[in-house]
Amino acid sequence: MVLLFIALHFKWLKLNQVEEVGNWLTDNMAIFFVPAGVGLMTNFGILGDVWWQLLLTIIITTTLMLGFVGLVVQFMKRRADTSSKKSKELM
């Protein structure tokens, strides 16, 4: 996903080149989660003993990831604002 984002951002790929496949993957997303769900159900006995550790890990990593993504977005917005100001000054 990161590589796809970079390729789209720098216009190495055009959206219309990946849009059809992306729509198909989104439409069939449930199919991709079925094996993971079955795996969880078959190992429910093991997971039942450590559910609170899993929950804590999920909460911490989600919070860290949201913070990291927020910082990256702020950085990119500042960078875009700076470059647009420079281009206006040159005109």
C-alpha atoms as a PDB file:
ATOM      1  CA  MET A   1       0.000   0.000   0.000  1.00  0.00           C
ATOM      2  CA  VAL A   2       2.866   2.361   0.795  1.00  0.00           C
ATOM      3  CA  LEU A   3       4.512   1.636  -2.540  1.00  0.00           C
ATOM      4  CA  LEU A   4       1.195   2.157  -4.321  1.00  0.00           C
ATOM      5  CA  PHE A   5       0.700   5.477  -2.520  1.00  0.00           C
ATOM      6  CA  ILE A   6       4.204   6.634  -3.456  1.00  0.00           C
ATOM      7  CA  ALA A   7       3.733   5.583  -7.075  1.00  0.00           C
ATOM      8  CA  LEU A   8       0.427   7.454  -7.298  1.00  0.00           C
ATOM      9  CA  HIS A   9       1.765  10.507  -5.458  1.00  0.00           C
ATOM     10  CA  PHE A  10       4.777  10.906  -7.739  1.00  0.00           C
ATOM     11  CA  LYS A  11       2.606  10.082 -10.768  1.00  0.00           C
ATOM     12  CA  TRP A  12       4.611   6.999 -11.694  1.00  0.00           C
ATOM     13  CA  LEU A  13       1.207   5.303 -11.920  1.00  0.00           C
ATOM     14  CA  LYS A  14      -2.032   6.869 -12.998  1.00  0.00           C
ATOM     15  CA  LEU A  15      -5.210   6.245 -11.013  1.00  0.00           C
ATOM     16  CA  ASN A  16      -7.013   4.797 -14.032  1.00  0.00           C
ATOM     17  CA  GLN A  17      -4.284   2.121 -14.299  1.00  0.00           C
ATOM     18  CA  VAL A  18      -5.111   0.686 -10.866  1.00  0.00           C
ATOM     19  CA  GLU A  19      -8.704   1.814 -10.305  1.00  0.00           C
ATOM     20  CA  GLU A  20     -10.386  -1.292 -11.735  1.00  0.00           C
ATOM     21  CA  VAL A  21      -8.247  -3.695  -9.702  1.00  0.00           C
ATOM     22  CA  GLY A  22      -8.686  -1.557  -6.579  1.00  0.00           C
ATOM     23  CA  ASN A  23     -12.450  -1.583  -6.967  1.00  0.00           C
ATOM     24  CA  TRP A  24     -12.438  -5.366  -7.431  1.00  0.00           C
ATOM     25  CA  LEU A  25     -10.312  -5.853  -4.306  1.00  0.00           C
ATOM     26  CA  THR A  26     -12.587  -3.564  -2.298  1.00  0.00           C
ATOM     27  CA  ASP A  27     -15.715  -5.335  -3.537  1.00  0.00           C
ATOM     28  CA  ASN A  28     -14.300  -8.748  -2.555  1.00  0.00           C
ATOM     29  CA  MET A  29     -12.640  -7.707   0.696  1.00  0.00           C
ATOM     30  CA  ALA A  30     -14.781 -10.053   2.801  1.00  0.00           C
ATOM     31  CA  ILE A  31     -13.325 -13.060   0.977  1.00  0.00           C
ATOM     32  CA  PHE A  32      -9.836 -12.106   2.110  1.00  0.00           C
ATOM     33  CA  PHE A  33     -10.836 -11.955   5.784  1.00  0.00           C
ATOM     34  CA  VAL A  34     -12.543 -15.369   5.927  1.00  0.00           C
ATOM     35  CA  PRO A  35      -9.276 -17.387   6.274  1.00  0.00           C
ATOM     36  CA  ALA A  36      -8.103 -15.081   9.064  1.00  0.00           C
ATOM     37  CA  GLY A  37     -11.429 -15.480  10.869  1.00  0.00           C
ATOM     38  CA  VAL A  38     -11.299 -19.260  10.546  1.00  0.00           C
ATOM     39  CA  GLY A  39      -7.746 -19.231  11.892  1.00  0.00           C
ATOM     40  CA  LEU A  40      -8.896 -17.246  14.916  1.00  0.00           C
ATOM     41  CA  MET A  41     -11.768 -19.646  15.564  1.00  0.00           C
ATOM     42  CA  THR A  42      -9.561 -22.746  15.360  1.00  0.00           C
ATOM     43  CA  ASN A  43      -7.114 -21.250  17.874  1.00  0.00           C
ATOM     44  CA  PHE A  44      -9.738 -19.710  20.152  1.00  0.00           C
ATOM     45  CA  GLY A  45      -8.557 -21.752  23.151  1.00  0.00           C
ATOM     46  CA  ILE A  46      -5.082 -20.274  22.917  1.00  0.00           C
ATOM     47  CA  LEU A  47      -6.374 -16.763  22.281  1.00  0.00           C
ATOM     48  CA  GLY A  48      -8.824 -16.971  25.174  1.00  0.00           C
ATOM     49  CA  ASP A  49      -5.958 -17.090  27.650  1.00  0.00           C
ATOM     50  CA  VAL A  50      -4.208 -13.985  26.307  1.00  0.00           C
ATOM     51  CA  TRP A  51      -7.128 -11.882  25.048  1.00  0.00           C
ATOM     52  CA  TRP A  52      -6.284  -8.904  27.254  1.00  0.00           C
ATOM     53  CA  GLN A  53      -2.689  -8.837  25.966  1.00  0.00           C
ATOM     54  CA  LEU A  54      -3.937  -8.898  22.394  1.00  0.00           C
ATOM     55  CA  LEU A  55      -6.435  -6.129  23.111  1.00  0.00           C
ATOM     56  CA  LEU A  56      -3.770  -3.977  24.775  1.00  0.00           C
ATOM     57  CA  THR A  57      -1.392  -4.543  21.860  1.00  0.00           C
ATOM     58  CA  ILE A  58      -4.083  -3.635  19.328  1.00  0.00           C
ATOM     59  CA  ILE A  59      -4.989  -0.437  21.196  1.00  0.00           C
ATOM     60  CA  ILE A  60      -1.362   0.670  21.608  1.00  0.00           C
ATOM     61  CA  THR A  61      -0.326  -0.066  18.024  1.00  0.00           C
ATOM     62  CA  THR A  62      -3.451   1.573  16.597  1.00  0.00           C
ATOM     63  CA  THR A  63      -2.817   4.710  18.656  1.00  0.00           C
ATOM     64  CA  LEU A  64       0.846   4.828  17.621  1.00  0.00           C
ATOM     65  CA  MET A  65      -0.036   4.328  13.975  1.00  0.00           C
ATOM     66  CA  LEU A  66      -2.687   7.056  14.021  1.00  0.00           C
ATOM     67  CA  GLY A  67      -0.169   9.430  15.600  1.00  0.00           C
ATOM     68  CA  PHE A  68       2.496   8.544  13.044  1.00  0.00           C
ATOM     69  CA  VAL A  69       0.112   9.007  10.114  1.00  0.00           C
ATOM     70  CA  GLY A  70      -1.001  12.345  11.560  1.00  0.00           C
ATOM     71  CA  LEU A  71       2.611  13.542  11.780  1.00  0.00           C
ATOM     72  CA  VAL A  72       3.319  12.450   8.211  1.00  0.00           C
ATOM     73  CA  VAL A  73       0.215  14.257   6.933  1.00  0.00           C
ATOM     74  CA  GLN A  74       1.202  17.438   8.789  1.00  0.00           C
ATOM     75  CA  PHE A  75       4.713  17.228   7.347  1.00  0.00           C
ATOM     76  CA  MET A  76       3.409  16.722   3.816  1.00  0.00           C
ATOM     77  CA  LYS A  77       0.930  19.606   4.147  1.00  0.00           C
ATOM     78  CA  ARG A  78       3.663  21.954   5.391  1.00  0.00           C
ATOM     79  CA  ARG A  79       5.906  20.858   2.564  1.00  0.00           C
ATOM     80  CA  ALA A  80       3.153  21.413  -0.009  1.00  0.00           C
ATOM     81  CA  ASP A  81       2.356  24.851   1.442  1.00  0.00           C
ATOM     82  CA  THR A  82       6.034  25.839   1.340  1.00  0.00           C
ATOM     83  CA  SER A  83       6.465  24.705  -2.257  1.00  0.00           C
ATOM     84  CA  SER A  84       3.285  26.500  -3.366  1.00  0.00           C
ATOM     85  CA  LYS A  85       4.477  29.732  -1.698  1.00  0.00           C
ATOM     86  CA  LYS A  86       7.840  29.446  -3.456  1.00  0.00           C
ATOM     87  CA  SER A  87       6.179  28.890  -6.821  1.00  0.00           C
ATOM     88  CA  LYS A  88       3.948  31.948  -6.275  1.00  0.00           C
ATOM     89  CA  GLU A  89       7.003  34.053  -5.387  1.00  0.00           C
ATOM     90  CA  LEU A  90       8.701  33.045  -8.630  1.00  0.00           C
ATOM     91  CA  MET A  91       5.728  34.248 -10.676  1.00  0.00           C
END
